[in-house]
Amino acid sequence: MRYRIDYADGRCSCFVNSSKDLIDWLKTPKEEQIEDIRKLYKSGCSDSVLEKYRKYI
């Protein structure tokens, strides 16, 4: 499953390939403010999972 991290300042999004990679990425300190985290499906649809992963930010 792929995830897209959107930044609040309108910069490019970051993509990760698994929930484990996402958690590792979120635990790394960063200066950017995260606006949303979206779970990307093969069909092209996406769902926001920001609340689920907020505890790792």
PDB file of N, CA and C in Angstrom:
ATOM      1  N   MET A   1       0.850  -1.170   0.000  1.00  0.00           N
ATOM      2  CA  MET A   1       0.000   0.000   0.000  1.00  0.00           C
ATOM      3  C   MET A   1       0.896   1.233   0.000  1.00  0.00           C
ATOM      4  N   ARG A   2       0.573   2.202  -0.810  1.00  0.00           N
ATOM      5  CA  ARG A   2       1.349   3.440  -0.865  1.00  0.00           C
ATOM      6  C   ARG A   2       0.649   4.536  -0.075  1.00  0.00           C
ATOM      7  N   TYR A   3       1.456   5.451   0.430  1.00  0.00           N
ATOM      8  CA  TYR A   3       0.946   6.587   1.195  1.00  0.00           C
ATOM      9  C   TYR A   3       1.565   7.861   0.644  1.00  0.00           C
ATOM     10  N   ARG A   4       0.779   8.937   0.648  1.00  0.00           N
ATOM     11  CA  ARG A   4       1.262  10.245   0.210  1.00  0.00           C
ATOM     12  C   ARG A   4       1.159  11.210   1.381  1.00  0.00           C
ATOM     13  N   ILE A   5       2.261  11.902   1.659  1.00  0.00           N
ATOM     14  CA  ILE A   5       2.292  12.901   2.725  1.00  0.00           C
ATOM     15  C   ILE A   5       2.257  14.276   2.067  1.00  0.00           C
ATOM     16  N   ASP A   6       1.242  15.069   2.384  1.00  0.00           N
ATOM     17  CA  ASP A   6       1.092  16.421   1.837  1.00  0.00           C
ATOM     18  C   ASP A   6       1.538  17.440   2.869  1.00  0.00           C
ATOM     19  N   TYR A   7       2.295  18.423   2.426  1.00  0.00           N
ATOM     20  CA  TYR A   7       2.805  19.461   3.316  1.00  0.00           C
ATOM     21  C   TYR A   7       1.912  20.694   3.297  1.00  0.00           C
ATOM     22  N   ALA A   8       1.853  21.416   4.411  1.00  0.00           N
ATOM     23  CA  ALA A   8       0.992  22.586   4.561  1.00  0.00           C
ATOM     24  C   ALA A   8       1.451  23.758   3.707  1.00  0.00           C
ATOM     25  N   ASP A   9       2.741  23.848   3.408  1.00  0.00           N
ATOM     26  CA  ASP A   9       3.237  25.000   2.655  1.00  0.00           C
ATOM     27  C   ASP A   9       3.089  24.834   1.139  1.00  0.00           C
ATOM     28  N   GLY A  10       2.406  23.767   0.694  1.00  0.00           N
ATOM     29  CA  GLY A  10       2.150  23.577  -0.726  1.00  0.00           C
ATOM     30  C   GLY A  10       3.288  22.953  -1.504  1.00  0.00           C
ATOM     31  N   ARG A  11       4.316  22.506  -0.809  1.00  0.00           N
ATOM     32  CA  ARG A  11       5.441  21.872  -1.488  1.00  0.00           C
ATOM     33  C   ARG A  11       5.014  20.533  -2.066  1.00  0.00           C
ATOM     34  N   CYS A  12       5.937  19.900  -2.763  1.00  0.00           N
ATOM     35  CA  CYS A  12       5.682  18.580  -3.342  1.00  0.00           C
ATOM     36  C   CYS A  12       5.354  17.573  -2.250  1.00  0.00           C
ATOM     37  N   SER A  13       4.595  16.589  -2.612  1.00  0.00           N
ATOM     38  CA  SER A  13       4.248  15.521  -1.682  1.00  0.00           C
ATOM     39  C   SER A  13       5.368  14.493  -1.619  1.00  0.00           C
ATOM     40  N   CYS A  14       5.389  13.760  -0.532  1.00  0.00           N
ATOM     41  CA  CYS A  14       6.343  12.679  -0.338  1.00  0.00           C
ATOM     42  C   CYS A  14       5.556  11.370  -0.393  1.00  0.00           C
ATOM     43  N   PHE A  15       6.125  10.341  -1.001  1.00  0.00           N
ATOM     44  CA  PHE A  15       5.472   9.043  -1.102  1.00  0.00           C
ATOM     45  C   PHE A  15       6.291   7.993  -0.370  1.00  0.00           C
ATOM     46  N   VAL A  16       5.603   7.077   0.317  1.00  0.00           N
ATOM     47  CA  VAL A  16       6.245   5.925   0.948  1.00  0.00           C
ATOM     48  C   VAL A  16       5.466   4.680   0.536  1.00  0.00           C
ATOM     49  N   ASN A  17       6.129   3.517   0.609  1.00  0.00           N
ATOM     50  CA  ASN A  17       5.545   2.302   0.045  1.00  0.00           C
ATOM     51  C   ASN A  17       4.845   1.382   1.031  1.00  0.00           C
ATOM     52  N   SER A  18       4.960   1.627   2.318  1.00  0.00           N
ATOM     53  CA  SER A  18       4.298   0.743   3.283  1.00  0.00           C
ATOM     54  C   SER A  18       4.018   1.511   4.576  1.00  0.00           C
ATOM     55  N   SER A  19       3.177   0.941   5.419  1.00  0.00           N
ATOM     56  CA  SER A  19       2.872   1.606   6.693  1.00  0.00           C
ATOM     57  C   SER A  19       4.102   1.633   7.592  1.00  0.00           C
ATOM     58  N   LYS A  20       4.944   0.604   7.529  1.00  0.00           N
ATOM     59  CA  LYS A  20       6.178   0.595   8.312  1.00  0.00           C
ATOM     60  C   LYS A  20       7.105   1.730   7.874  1.00  0.00           C
ATOM     61  N   ASP A  21       7.259   1.913   6.556  1.00  0.00           N
ATOM     62  CA  ASP A  21       8.069   3.016   6.039  1.00  0.00           C
ATOM     63  C   ASP A  21       7.477   4.368   6.448  1.00  0.00           C
ATOM     64  N   LEU A  22       6.155   4.458   6.441  1.00  0.00           N
ATOM     65  CA  LEU A  22       5.488   5.698   6.834  1.00  0.00           C
ATOM     66  C   LEU A  22       5.772   6.024   8.297  1.00  0.00           C
ATOM     67  N   ILE A  23       5.650   5.053   9.173  1.00  0.00           N
ATOM     68  CA  ILE A  23       5.910   5.270  10.603  1.00  0.00           C
ATOM     69  C   ILE A  23       7.363   5.669  10.826  1.00  0.00           C
ATOM     70  N   ASP A  24       8.290   4.988  10.159  1.00  0.00           N
ATOM     71  CA  ASP A  24       9.709   5.338  10.269  1.00  0.00           C
ATOM     72  C   ASP A  24       9.950   6.765   9.799  1.00  0.00           C
ATOM     73  N   TRP A  25       9.314   7.149   8.700  1.00  0.00           N
ATOM     74  CA  TRP A  25       9.474   8.494   8.144  1.00  0.00           C
ATOM     75  C   TRP A  25       8.896   9.534   9.098  1.00  0.00           C
ATOM     76  N   LEU A  26       7.741   9.246   9.699  1.00  0.00           N
ATOM     77  CA  LEU A  26       7.093  10.198  10.607  1.00  0.00           C
ATOM     78  C   LEU A  26       7.869  10.379  11.907  1.00  0.00           C
ATOM     79  N   LYS A  27       8.551   9.348  12.360  1.00  0.00           N
ATOM     80  CA  LYS A  27       9.314   9.437  13.604  1.00  0.00           C
ATOM     81  C   LYS A  27      10.582  10.272  13.446  1.00  0.00           C
ATOM     82  N   THR A  28      11.039  10.474  12.218  1.00  0.00           N
ATOM     83  CA  THR A  28      12.219  11.293  11.964  1.00  0.00           C
ATOM     84  C   THR A  28      11.834  12.760  12.096  1.00  0.00           C
ATOM     85  N   PRO A  29      12.521  13.534  12.931  1.00  0.00           N
ATOM     86  CA  PRO A  29      12.175  14.951  13.110  1.00  0.00           C
ATOM     87  C   PRO A  29      12.317  15.739  11.803  1.00  0.00           C
ATOM     88  N   LYS A  30      11.310  16.556  11.529  1.00  0.00           N
ATOM     89  CA  LYS A  30      11.308  17.382  10.326  1.00  0.00           C
ATOM     90  C   LYS A  30      10.770  18.768  10.657  1.00  0.00           C
ATOM     91  N   GLU A  31      11.163  19.737   9.863  1.00  0.00           N
ATOM     92  CA  GLU A  31      10.695  21.109  10.066  1.00  0.00           C
ATOM     93  C   GLU A  31       9.363  21.369   9.381  1.00  0.00           C
ATOM     94  N   GLU A  32       9.012  20.578   8.379  1.00  0.00           N
ATOM     95  CA  GLU A  32       7.797  20.806   7.609  1.00  0.00           C
ATOM     96  C   GLU A  32       6.552  20.458   8.415  1.00  0.00           C
ATOM     97  N   GLN A  33       5.486  21.194   8.172  1.00  0.00           N
ATOM     98  CA  GLN A  33       4.192  20.931   8.797  1.00  0.00           C
ATOM     99  C   GLN A  33       3.390  20.029   7.860  1.00  0.00           C
ATOM    100  N   ILE A  34       2.910  18.909   8.354  1.00  0.00           N
ATOM    101  CA  ILE A  34       2.143  17.962   7.542  1.00  0.00           C
ATOM    102  C   ILE A  34       0.685  18.380   7.534  1.00  0.00           C
ATOM    103  N   GLU A  35       0.112  18.487   6.334  1.00  0.00           N
ATOM    104  CA  GLU A  35      -1.289  18.856   6.185  1.00  0.00           C
ATOM    105  C   GLU A  35      -2.184  17.622   6.145  1.00  0.00           C
ATOM    106  N   ASP A  36      -1.738  16.567   5.452  1.00  0.00           N
ATOM    107  CA  ASP A  36      -2.562  15.375   5.314  1.00  0.00           C
ATOM    108  C   ASP A  36      -1.689  14.175   4.962  1.00  0.00           C
ATOM    109  N   ILE A  37      -2.162  12.999   5.341  1.00  0.00           N
ATOM    110  CA  ILE A  37      -1.543  11.730   4.944  1.00  0.00           C
ATOM    111  C   ILE A  37      -2.654  10.933   4.283  1.00  0.00           C
ATOM    112  N   ARG A  38      -2.426  10.506   3.040  1.00  0.00           N
ATOM    113  CA  ARG A  38      -3.448   9.803   2.283  1.00  0.00           C
ATOM    114  C   ARG A  38      -2.981   8.413   1.904  1.00  0.00           C
ATOM    115  N   LYS A  39      -3.864   7.448   2.075  1.00  0.00           N
ATOM    116  CA  LYS A  39      -3.614   6.068   1.668  1.00  0.00           C
ATOM    117  C   LYS A  39      -4.071   5.947   0.221  1.00  0.00           C
ATOM    118  N   LEU A  40      -3.178   5.511  -0.667  1.00  0.00           N
ATOM    119  CA  LEU A  40      -3.471   5.436  -2.094  1.00  0.00           C
ATOM    120  C   LEU A  40      -3.794   3.996  -2.489  1.00  0.00           C
ATOM    121  N   TYR A  41      -4.908   3.833  -3.169  1.00  0.00           N
ATOM    122  CA  TYR A  41      -5.333   2.517  -3.634  1.00  0.00           C
ATOM    123  C   TYR A  41      -4.990   2.342  -5.107  1.00  0.00           C
ATOM    124  N   LYS A  42      -4.912   1.091  -5.551  1.00  0.00           N
ATOM    125  CA  LYS A  42      -4.584   0.798  -6.951  1.00  0.00           C
ATOM    126  C   LYS A  42      -5.622   1.375  -7.904  1.00  0.00           C
ATOM    127  N   SER A  43      -6.846   1.517  -7.449  1.00  0.00           N
ATOM    128  CA  SER A  43      -7.925   2.048  -8.282  1.00  0.00           C
ATOM    129  C   SER A  43      -7.767   3.546  -8.544  1.00  0.00           C
ATOM    130  N   GLY A  44      -6.864   4.195  -7.793  1.00  0.00           N
ATOM    131  CA  GLY A  44      -6.665   5.633  -7.945  1.00  0.00           C
ATOM    132  C   GLY A  44      -7.344   6.448  -6.859  1.00  0.00           C
ATOM    133  N   CYS A  45      -8.185   5.819  -6.068  1.00  0.00           N
ATOM    134  CA  CYS A  45      -8.850   6.498  -4.952  1.00  0.00           C
ATOM    135  C   CYS A  45      -7.874   6.651  -3.791  1.00  0.00           C
ATOM    136  N   SER A  46      -8.202   7.554  -2.882  1.00  0.00           N
ATOM    137  CA  SER A  46      -7.375   7.742  -1.692  1.00  0.00           C
ATOM    138  C   SER A  46      -8.253   8.113  -0.505  1.00  0.00           C
ATOM    139  N   ASP A  47      -7.776   7.762   0.681  1.00  0.00           N
ATOM    140  CA  ASP A  47      -8.456   8.093   1.930  1.00  0.00           C
ATOM    141  C   ASP A  47      -7.462   8.762   2.861  1.00  0.00           C
ATOM    142  N   SER A  48      -7.949   9.718   3.630  1.00  0.00           N
ATOM    143  CA  SER A  48      -7.104  10.370   4.617  1.00  0.00           C
ATOM    144  C   SER A  48      -6.925   9.450   5.819  1.00  0.00           C
ATOM    145  N   VAL A  49      -5.674   9.282   6.243  1.00  0.00           N
ATOM    146  CA  VAL A  49      -5.357   8.467   7.420  1.00  0.00           C
ATOM    147  C   VAL A  49      -4.549   9.292   8.428  1.00  0.00           C
ATOM    148  N   LEU A  50      -4.666  10.600   8.338  1.00  0.00           N
ATOM    149  CA  LEU A  50      -3.902  11.494   9.198  1.00  0.00           C
ATOM    150  C   LEU A  50      -4.168  11.232  10.675  1.00  0.00           C
ATOM    151  N   GLU A  51      -5.414  11.075  11.056  1.00  0.00           N
ATOM    152  CA  GLU A  51      -5.745  10.872  12.470  1.00  0.00           C
ATOM    153  C   GLU A  51      -5.153   9.576  13.001  1.00  0.00           C
ATOM    154  N   LYS A  52      -5.109   8.551  12.187  1.00  0.00           N
ATOM    155  CA  LYS A  52      -4.567   7.256  12.598  1.00  0.00           C
ATOM    156  C   LYS A  52      -3.068   7.356  12.889  1.00  0.00           C
ATOM    157  N   TYR A  53      -2.337   8.169  12.112  1.00  0.00           N
ATOM    158  CA  TYR A  53      -0.878   8.248  12.249  1.00  0.00           C
ATOM    159  C   TYR A  53      -0.411   9.515  12.962  1.00  0.00           C
ATOM    160  N   ARG A  54      -1.328  10.345  13.443  1.00  0.00           N
ATOM    161  CA  ARG A  54      -0.952  11.599  14.115  1.00  0.00           C
ATOM    162  C   ARG A  54      -0.063  11.358  15.335  1.00  0.00           C
ATOM    163  N   LYS A  55      -0.246  10.251  16.035  1.00  0.00           N
ATOM    164  CA  LYS A  55       0.549   9.978  17.243  1.00  0.00           C
ATOM    165  C   LYS A  55       2.024   9.782  16.943  1.00  0.00           C
ATOM    166  N   TYR A  56       2.377   9.506  15.696  1.00  0.00           N
ATOM    167  CA  TYR A  56       3.784   9.316  15.309  1.00  0.00           C
ATOM    168  C   TYR A  56       4.466  10.626  14.895  1.00  0.00           C
ATOM    169  N   ILE A  57       3.669  11.660  14.684  1.00  0.00           N
ATOM    170  CA  ILE A  57       4.225  12.946  14.226  1.00  0.00           C
ATOM    171  C   ILE A  57       4.846  13.675  15.397  1.00  0.00           C
TER     172      ILE A  57
END
